[in-house]
Amino acid sequence: MPTIYAFVKIFEQEQYAKDFVSGKLFMNPIRYFKDYRDAAGELRGDPHEGVVGWYQPNKIGLQIGGHVIQSSDITCPVAIHDPELLNKNAFCIYSLNSGNYQSIDRETLEDFKRTIELHESCFGLGNFCVVILNAKKFLDRVESSIKSNNLSANLGLVEYFSENEYHGDFSPEKRGFHKRSLFYHQREYRILIDTHCSLSSPYILNVGDLSDIALLTTPEEFKQQLRISLPDRSTT
């Protein structure tokens, strides 16, 4: 399992960033992200959010009212969504994690840094960001708040799949944690809660003041200031 070193959350408005530092985790339903349309490319919005199954056209056939649609006539993968999952609320945050790296040395240091630093395409999410400097304390506070509010929740890293290769259902225990590989650069960690409400509406999870483990900055400044050092004093 990858090691998470820190979290970064990007915001459009400074006040939203300050609200997060104060401990307010604003959580939209997954349906919101499915229906959201970005002005330039896919950033927040993803029409395939909440997908629970993904079927390649060359491996399936469809029948509608006795009419058979051959696989050769299906132009793109078929995505299956779960309405119940779409009503769950999600808090999404960028994670600086080790990914597939088992160890780092002088030769791999530069590549490792490029792997964990904010991808420039993420800058389109906003001009302000909050860096969570202690991932464990943050998650401890999140889990404590979830428990005190008697909420059902799942937490974990999002898994990315190849939209042109993957075929089949996603495991039930990881539903809500799958996205197409074109979003891989977002390195998302997700907090998914079930408010047991039949209507899709935003939810604010208050985890308490985070100012002792949070730094308010900008995406550009964060990328410029990120440094990685090894025990042998190699740095980048």
C-alpha atoms as a PDB file:
ATOM      1  CA  MET A   1       0.000   0.000   0.000  1.00  0.00           C
ATOM      2  CA  PRO A   2       1.428   3.433  -0.951  1.00  0.00           C
ATOM      3  CA  THR A   3       2.732   5.716   1.795  1.00  0.00           C
ATOM      4  CA  ILE A   4       0.912   9.053   2.007  1.00  0.00           C
ATOM      5  CA  TYR A   5       3.233  11.926   2.918  1.00  0.00           C
ATOM      6  CA  ALA A   6       0.825  14.865   2.750  1.00  0.00           C
ATOM      7  CA  PHE A   7      -2.449  16.081   1.254  1.00  0.00           C
ATOM      8  CA  VAL A   8      -3.186  19.113  -0.925  1.00  0.00           C
ATOM      9  CA  LYS A   9      -6.619  20.608  -1.564  1.00  0.00           C
ATOM     10  CA  ILE A  10      -7.102  23.272  -4.260  1.00  0.00           C
ATOM     11  CA  PHE A  11      -9.828  25.909  -4.045  1.00  0.00           C
ATOM     12  CA  GLU A  12     -11.307  28.522  -6.357  1.00  0.00           C
ATOM     13  CA  GLN A  13     -11.830  31.047  -3.553  1.00  0.00           C
ATOM     14  CA  GLU A  14      -9.652  31.934  -0.580  1.00  0.00           C
ATOM     15  CA  GLN A  15     -12.628  31.806   1.790  1.00  0.00           C
ATOM     16  CA  TYR A  16     -13.248  28.179   0.848  1.00  0.00           C
ATOM     17  CA  ALA A  17      -9.603  27.427   1.683  1.00  0.00           C
ATOM     18  CA  LYS A  18      -9.948  29.175   5.054  1.00  0.00           C
ATOM     19  CA  ASP A  19     -13.126  27.224   5.794  1.00  0.00           C
ATOM     20  CA  PHE A  20     -11.195  24.020   5.187  1.00  0.00           C
ATOM     21  CA  VAL A  21      -8.412  25.122   7.544  1.00  0.00           C
ATOM     22  CA  SER A  22     -11.101  25.762  10.174  1.00  0.00           C
ATOM     23  CA  GLY A  23     -12.138  22.120   9.806  1.00  0.00           C
ATOM     24  CA  LYS A  24     -15.111  22.267   7.438  1.00  0.00           C
ATOM     25  CA  LEU A  25     -14.989  19.532   4.805  1.00  0.00           C
ATOM     26  CA  PHE A  26     -17.536  20.459   2.148  1.00  0.00           C
ATOM     27  CA  MET A  27     -18.760  17.263   0.508  1.00  0.00           C
ATOM     28  CA  ASN A  28     -20.847  17.192  -2.648  1.00  0.00           C
ATOM     29  CA  PRO A  29     -22.756  14.079  -3.730  1.00  0.00           C
ATOM     30  CA  ILE A  30     -20.960  11.979  -6.338  1.00  0.00           C
ATOM     31  CA  ARG A  31     -23.858  12.810  -8.652  1.00  0.00           C
ATOM     32  CA  TYR A  32     -22.693  16.449  -8.586  1.00  0.00           C
ATOM     33  CA  PHE A  33     -19.326  15.516 -10.096  1.00  0.00           C
ATOM     34  CA  LYS A  34     -21.008  13.241 -12.650  1.00  0.00           C
ATOM     35  CA  ASP A  35     -23.232  16.086 -13.858  1.00  0.00           C
ATOM     36  CA  TYR A  36     -20.643  18.879 -13.562  1.00  0.00           C
ATOM     37  CA  ARG A  37     -19.250  20.217 -16.821  1.00  0.00           C
ATOM     38  CA  ASP A  38     -15.883  22.006 -16.748  1.00  0.00           C
ATOM     39  CA  ALA A  39     -15.378  24.978 -19.028  1.00  0.00           C
ATOM     40  CA  ALA A  40     -12.027  23.595 -20.214  1.00  0.00           C
ATOM     41  CA  GLY A  41     -11.488  19.851 -20.201  1.00  0.00           C
ATOM     42  CA  GLU A  42     -12.319  17.415 -17.406  1.00  0.00           C
ATOM     43  CA  LEU A  43     -11.136  18.697 -14.033  1.00  0.00           C
ATOM     44  CA  ARG A  44     -13.859  18.485 -11.384  1.00  0.00           C
ATOM     45  CA  GLY A  45     -16.472  16.969 -13.634  1.00  0.00           C
ATOM     46  CA  ASP A  46     -16.457  13.350 -14.771  1.00  0.00           C
ATOM     47  CA  PRO A  47     -19.507  11.864 -16.532  1.00  0.00           C
ATOM     48  CA  HIS A  48     -18.336   8.432 -15.392  1.00  0.00           C
ATOM     49  CA  GLU A  49     -18.233   9.166 -11.660  1.00  0.00           C
ATOM     50  CA  GLY A  50     -19.942   6.487  -9.600  1.00  0.00           C
ATOM     51  CA  VAL A  51     -19.225   3.778 -12.150  1.00  0.00           C
ATOM     52  CA  VAL A  52     -19.627   0.203 -10.849  1.00  0.00           C
ATOM     53  CA  GLY A  53     -19.105  -1.669 -14.094  1.00  0.00           C
ATOM     54  CA  TRP A  54     -17.191  -1.041 -17.323  1.00  0.00           C
ATOM     55  CA  TYR A  55     -17.685  -3.234 -20.374  1.00  0.00           C
ATOM     56  CA  GLN A  56     -15.660  -3.202 -23.574  1.00  0.00           C
ATOM     57  CA  PRO A  57     -17.844  -3.107 -26.731  1.00  0.00           C
ATOM     58  CA  ASN A  58     -16.057  -6.045 -28.367  1.00  0.00           C
ATOM     59  CA  LYS A  59     -16.945  -8.295 -25.443  1.00  0.00           C
ATOM     60  CA  ILE A  60     -20.678  -7.681 -25.110  1.00  0.00           C
ATOM     61  CA  GLY A  61     -23.919  -7.690 -27.072  1.00  0.00           C
ATOM     62  CA  LEU A  62     -27.134  -5.833 -26.242  1.00  0.00           C
ATOM     63  CA  GLN A  63     -30.765  -6.701 -26.755  1.00  0.00           C
ATOM     64  CA  ILE A  64     -33.561  -4.129 -26.627  1.00  0.00           C
ATOM     65  CA  GLY A  65     -37.167  -5.195 -27.153  1.00  0.00           C
ATOM     66  CA  GLY A  66     -36.136  -8.228 -29.132  1.00  0.00           C
ATOM     67  CA  HIS A  67     -33.685  -6.259 -31.253  1.00  0.00           C
ATOM     68  CA  VAL A  68     -30.075  -7.412 -30.978  1.00  0.00           C
ATOM     69  CA  ILE A  69     -27.271  -4.845 -31.119  1.00  0.00           C
ATOM     70  CA  GLN A  70     -24.054  -6.513 -32.205  1.00  0.00           C
ATOM     71  CA  SER A  71     -20.794  -5.703 -30.427  1.00  0.00           C
ATOM     72  CA  SER A  72     -19.399  -4.351 -33.691  1.00  0.00           C
ATOM     73  CA  ASP A  73     -22.102  -1.667 -33.650  1.00  0.00           C
ATOM     74  CA  ILE A  74     -21.241  -0.426 -30.135  1.00  0.00           C
ATOM     75  CA  THR A  75     -18.888   2.519 -30.475  1.00  0.00           C
ATOM     76  CA  CYS A  76     -17.539   2.907 -26.911  1.00  0.00           C
ATOM     77  CA  PRO A  77     -17.341   1.099 -23.548  1.00  0.00           C
ATOM     78  CA  VAL A  78     -20.603   0.717 -21.644  1.00  0.00           C
ATOM     79  CA  ALA A  79     -20.545   2.243 -18.156  1.00  0.00           C
ATOM     80  CA  ILE A  80     -22.893   1.045 -15.407  1.00  0.00           C
ATOM     81  CA  HIS A  81     -23.783   3.424 -12.560  1.00  0.00           C
ATOM     82  CA  ASP A  82     -25.388   2.814  -9.175  1.00  0.00           C
ATOM     83  CA  PRO A  83     -28.003   5.460  -8.165  1.00  0.00           C
ATOM     84  CA  GLU A  84     -27.412   4.718  -4.476  1.00  0.00           C
ATOM     85  CA  LEU A  85     -23.686   5.325  -4.876  1.00  0.00           C
ATOM     86  CA  LEU A  86     -24.321   8.584  -6.737  1.00  0.00           C
ATOM     87  CA  ASN A  87     -26.170   9.914  -3.662  1.00  0.00           C
ATOM     88  CA  LYS A  88     -23.184   9.393  -1.363  1.00  0.00           C
ATOM     89  CA  ASN A  89     -21.089  12.435  -0.467  1.00  0.00           C
ATOM     90  CA  ALA A  90     -17.413  12.673  -1.318  1.00  0.00           C
ATOM     91  CA  PHE A  91     -14.494  14.794  -0.182  1.00  0.00           C
ATOM     92  CA  CYS A  92     -11.691  14.599  -2.715  1.00  0.00           C
ATOM     93  CA  ILE A  93      -8.112  15.658  -2.005  1.00  0.00           C
ATOM     94  CA  TYR A  94      -4.760  15.332  -3.793  1.00  0.00           C
ATOM     95  CA  SER A  95      -2.358  12.933  -2.072  1.00  0.00           C
ATOM     96  CA  LEU A  96       1.415  13.024  -2.169  1.00  0.00           C
ATOM     97  CA  ASN A  97       2.019   9.287  -2.033  1.00  0.00           C
ATOM     98  CA  SER A  98       4.778   6.840  -2.913  1.00  0.00           C
ATOM     99  CA  GLY A  99       2.774   5.165  -5.679  1.00  0.00           C
ATOM    100  CA  ASN A 100       4.681   2.186  -7.086  1.00  0.00           C
ATOM    101  CA  TYR A 101       8.030   3.231  -5.583  1.00  0.00           C
ATOM    102  CA  GLN A 102       9.388   0.730  -3.070  1.00  0.00           C
ATOM    103  CA  SER A 103      12.574   2.738  -2.460  1.00  0.00           C
ATOM    104  CA  ILE A 104      14.262   5.933  -3.653  1.00  0.00           C
ATOM    105  CA  ASP A 105      17.920   6.656  -4.412  1.00  0.00           C
ATOM    106  CA  ARG A 106      19.920   9.354  -6.174  1.00  0.00           C
ATOM    107  CA  GLU A 107      19.075   7.943  -9.603  1.00  0.00           C
ATOM    108  CA  THR A 108      15.319   7.875  -9.016  1.00  0.00           C
ATOM    109  CA  LEU A 109      14.973  11.014  -6.889  1.00  0.00           C
ATOM    110  CA  GLU A 110      14.105  13.403  -9.729  1.00  0.00           C
ATOM    111  CA  ASP A 111      11.552  11.034 -11.232  1.00  0.00           C
ATOM    112  CA  PHE A 112      10.011  10.457  -7.817  1.00  0.00           C
ATOM    113  CA  LYS A 113       9.617  14.181  -7.259  1.00  0.00           C
ATOM    114  CA  ARG A 114       7.904  14.604 -10.625  1.00  0.00           C
ATOM    115  CA  THR A 115       5.573  11.787  -9.650  1.00  0.00           C
ATOM    116  CA  ILE A 116       4.339  13.309  -6.395  1.00  0.00           C
ATOM    117  CA  GLU A 117       4.350  17.040  -7.179  1.00  0.00           C
ATOM    118  CA  LEU A 118       1.182  18.787  -8.287  1.00  0.00           C
ATOM    119  CA  HIS A 119       0.553  18.247 -11.968  1.00  0.00           C
ATOM    120  CA  GLU A 120       0.129  21.555 -13.780  1.00  0.00           C
ATOM    121  CA  SER A 121      -3.254  20.495 -15.127  1.00  0.00           C
ATOM    122  CA  CYS A 122      -4.510  20.582 -11.516  1.00  0.00           C
ATOM    123  CA  PHE A 123      -3.820  24.313 -11.370  1.00  0.00           C
ATOM    124  CA  GLY A 124      -7.047  24.875 -13.263  1.00  0.00           C
ATOM    125  CA  LEU A 125      -8.964  23.829 -10.143  1.00  0.00           C
ATOM    126  CA  GLY A 126      -8.213  27.156  -8.425  1.00  0.00           C
ATOM    127  CA  ASN A 127      -5.684  29.745  -7.248  1.00  0.00           C
ATOM    128  CA  PHE A 128      -5.505  28.722  -3.589  1.00  0.00           C
ATOM    129  CA  CYS A 129      -4.465  25.515  -1.925  1.00  0.00           C
ATOM    130  CA  VAL A 130      -4.169  24.085   1.547  1.00  0.00           C
ATOM    131  CA  VAL A 131      -1.365  21.645   2.326  1.00  0.00           C
ATOM    132  CA  ILE A 132      -2.056  19.143   5.106  1.00  0.00           C
ATOM    133  CA  LEU A 133       1.372  18.551   6.628  1.00  0.00           C
ATOM    134  CA  ASN A 134       0.420  15.614   8.842  1.00  0.00           C
ATOM    135  CA  ALA A 135      -1.671  13.081   6.952  1.00  0.00           C
ATOM    136  CA  LYS A 136      -2.142  10.757   9.939  1.00  0.00           C
ATOM    137  CA  LYS A 137      -3.482  13.463  12.257  1.00  0.00           C
ATOM    138  CA  PHE A 138      -5.832  14.654   9.534  1.00  0.00           C
ATOM    139  CA  LEU A 139      -7.259  11.189   8.932  1.00  0.00           C
ATOM    140  CA  ASP A 140      -7.528  10.548  12.680  1.00  0.00           C
ATOM    141  CA  ARG A 141      -9.670  13.679  13.032  1.00  0.00           C
ATOM    142  CA  VAL A 142     -11.775  12.731  10.038  1.00  0.00           C
ATOM    143  CA  GLU A 143     -12.449   9.248  11.391  1.00  0.00           C
ATOM    144  CA  SER A 144     -13.241  10.635  14.859  1.00  0.00           C
ATOM    145  CA  SER A 145     -15.793  13.051  13.375  1.00  0.00           C
ATOM    146  CA  ILE A 146     -17.348  10.315  11.254  1.00  0.00           C
ATOM    147  CA  LYS A 147     -17.749   8.139  14.338  1.00  0.00           C
ATOM    148  CA  SER A 148     -19.197  10.921  16.507  1.00  0.00           C
ATOM    149  CA  ASN A 149     -21.740  11.744  13.788  1.00  0.00           C
ATOM    150  CA  ASN A 150     -22.743   8.083  13.400  1.00  0.00           C
ATOM    151  CA  LEU A 151     -21.988   8.078   9.680  1.00  0.00           C
ATOM    152  CA  SER A 152     -21.139   5.189   7.401  1.00  0.00           C
ATOM    153  CA  ALA A 153     -17.933   5.898   5.519  1.00  0.00           C
ATOM    154  CA  ASN A 154     -15.119   4.540   3.379  1.00  0.00           C
ATOM    155  CA  LEU A 155     -11.716   6.186   3.009  1.00  0.00           C
ATOM    156  CA  GLY A 156      -8.906   5.431   0.610  1.00  0.00           C
ATOM    157  CA  LEU A 157      -6.941   6.152  -2.516  1.00  0.00           C
ATOM    158  CA  VAL A 158      -8.769   6.203  -5.819  1.00  0.00           C
ATOM    159  CA  GLU A 159      -7.766   3.438  -8.232  1.00  0.00           C
ATOM    160  CA  TYR A 160      -7.348   4.304 -11.921  1.00  0.00           C
ATOM    161  CA  PHE A 161      -8.305   1.934 -14.718  1.00  0.00           C
ATOM    162  CA  SER A 162      -7.625   1.851 -18.447  1.00  0.00           C
ATOM    163  CA  GLU A 163     -10.834   2.839 -20.200  1.00  0.00           C
ATOM    164  CA  ASN A 164      -9.735   0.934 -23.321  1.00  0.00           C
ATOM    165  CA  GLU A 165      -8.724  -2.282 -21.578  1.00  0.00           C
ATOM    166  CA  TYR A 166     -10.656  -2.840 -18.341  1.00  0.00           C
ATOM    167  CA  HIS A 167     -13.725  -5.053 -18.647  1.00  0.00           C
ATOM    168  CA  GLY A 168     -16.070  -6.162 -15.878  1.00  0.00           C
ATOM    169  CA  ASP A 169     -17.537  -5.140 -12.536  1.00  0.00           C
ATOM    170  CA  PHE A 170     -15.639  -3.293  -9.817  1.00  0.00           C
ATOM    171  CA  SER A 171     -15.376  -4.891  -6.390  1.00  0.00           C
ATOM    172  CA  PRO A 172     -18.291  -3.848  -4.114  1.00  0.00           C
ATOM    173  CA  GLU A 173     -15.985  -2.799  -1.265  1.00  0.00           C
ATOM    174  CA  LYS A 174     -14.197  -0.312  -3.560  1.00  0.00           C
ATOM    175  CA  ARG A 175     -17.222   1.197  -5.283  1.00  0.00           C
ATOM    176  CA  GLY A 176     -16.871   4.950  -5.508  1.00  0.00           C
ATOM    177  CA  PHE A 177     -13.069   4.663  -5.710  1.00  0.00           C
ATOM    178  CA  HIS A 178     -12.543   4.050  -9.431  1.00  0.00           C
ATOM    179  CA  LYS A 179     -11.780   6.597 -12.117  1.00  0.00           C
ATOM    180  CA  ARG A 180     -10.491   6.456 -15.677  1.00  0.00           C
ATOM    181  CA  SER A 181      -6.727   6.617 -16.151  1.00  0.00           C
ATOM    182  CA  LEU A 182      -6.911  10.083 -17.724  1.00  0.00           C
ATOM    183  CA  PHE A 183      -7.417  11.382 -14.157  1.00  0.00           C
ATOM    184  CA  TYR A 184      -4.339   9.593 -12.792  1.00  0.00           C
ATOM    185  CA  HIS A 185      -2.418  12.849 -12.366  1.00  0.00           C
ATOM    186  CA  GLN A 186      -4.912  13.930  -9.686  1.00  0.00           C
ATOM    187  CA  ARG A 187      -3.648  11.168  -7.330  1.00  0.00           C
ATOM    188  CA  GLU A 188      -6.893  11.416  -5.435  1.00  0.00           C
ATOM    189  CA  TYR A 189      -7.642  10.330  -1.903  1.00  0.00           C
ATOM    190  CA  ARG A 190     -11.357  10.150  -1.203  1.00  0.00           C
ATOM    191  CA  ILE A 191     -13.552  10.288   1.875  1.00  0.00           C
ATOM    192  CA  LEU A 192     -16.930   8.802   0.989  1.00  0.00           C
ATOM    193  CA  ILE A 193     -19.828   9.010   3.432  1.00  0.00           C
ATOM    194  CA  ASP A 194     -23.416   7.825   3.435  1.00  0.00           C
ATOM    195  CA  THR A 195     -25.806  10.261   5.139  1.00  0.00           C
ATOM    196  CA  HIS A 196     -28.662   7.800   4.487  1.00  0.00           C
ATOM    197  CA  CYS A 197     -30.570  10.598   2.781  1.00  0.00           C
ATOM    198  CA  SER A 198     -32.663   9.796  -0.290  1.00  0.00           C
ATOM    199  CA  LEU A 199     -31.967  13.247  -1.777  1.00  0.00           C
ATOM    200  CA  SER A 200     -28.633  14.356  -3.192  1.00  0.00           C
ATOM    201  CA  SER A 201     -27.428  17.391  -1.257  1.00  0.00           C
ATOM    202  CA  PRO A 202     -24.097  18.798  -0.019  1.00  0.00           C
ATOM    203  CA  TYR A 203     -22.860  17.861   3.447  1.00  0.00           C
ATOM    204  CA  ILE A 204     -20.319  19.556   5.693  1.00  0.00           C
ATOM    205  CA  LEU A 205     -18.237  17.292   7.920  1.00  0.00           C
ATOM    206  CA  ASN A 206     -16.642  19.327  10.707  1.00  0.00           C
ATOM    207  CA  VAL A 207     -13.388  17.734  11.846  1.00  0.00           C
ATOM    208  CA  GLY A 208     -12.194  20.585  14.088  1.00  0.00           C
ATOM    209  CA  ASP A 209      -9.512  23.226  13.611  1.00  0.00           C
ATOM    210  CA  LEU A 210      -6.727  22.125  11.263  1.00  0.00           C
ATOM    211  CA  SER A 211      -4.509  25.201  11.523  1.00  0.00           C
ATOM    212  CA  ASP A 212      -1.840  23.272  13.473  1.00  0.00           C
ATOM    213  CA  ILE A 213      -1.273  20.901  10.539  1.00  0.00           C
ATOM    214  CA  ALA A 214      -2.309  23.068   7.565  1.00  0.00           C
ATOM    215  CA  LEU A 215      -0.548  25.584   5.341  1.00  0.00           C
ATOM    216  CA  LEU A 216      -2.486  28.003   3.128  1.00  0.00           C
ATOM    217  CA  THR A 217      -0.610  28.827  -0.078  1.00  0.00           C
ATOM    218  CA  THR A 218      -1.034  28.701  -3.863  1.00  0.00           C
ATOM    219  CA  PRO A 219      -0.507  25.746  -6.217  1.00  0.00           C
ATOM    220  CA  GLU A 220       2.430  27.520  -7.876  1.00  0.00           C
ATOM    221  CA  GLU A 221       4.158  28.325  -4.571  1.00  0.00           C
ATOM    222  CA  PHE A 222       3.632  24.797  -3.312  1.00  0.00           C
ATOM    223  CA  LYS A 223       5.262  23.312  -6.410  1.00  0.00           C
ATOM    224  CA  GLN A 224       8.196  25.738  -6.201  1.00  0.00           C
ATOM    225  CA  GLN A 225       8.796  25.080  -2.504  1.00  0.00           C
ATOM    226  CA  LEU A 226       8.533  21.276  -2.568  1.00  0.00           C
ATOM    227  CA  ARG A 227      11.897  19.702  -1.701  1.00  0.00           C
ATOM    228  CA  ILE A 228      12.820  16.065  -1.166  1.00  0.00           C
ATOM    229  CA  SER A 229      15.936  15.014   0.749  1.00  0.00           C
ATOM    230  CA  LEU A 230      17.552  11.625   1.264  1.00  0.00           C
ATOM    231  CA  PRO A 231      19.625  10.481   4.269  1.00  0.00           C
ATOM    232  CA  ASP A 232      22.792  10.834   2.168  1.00  0.00           C
ATOM    233  CA  ARG A 233      21.863  14.546   1.790  1.00  0.00           C
ATOM    234  CA  SER A 234      20.857  14.174  -1.842  1.00  0.00           C
ATOM    235  CA  THR A 235      18.102  16.682  -2.503  1.00  0.00           C
ATOM    236  CA  THR A 236      15.883  17.949  -5.256  1.00  0.00           C
END
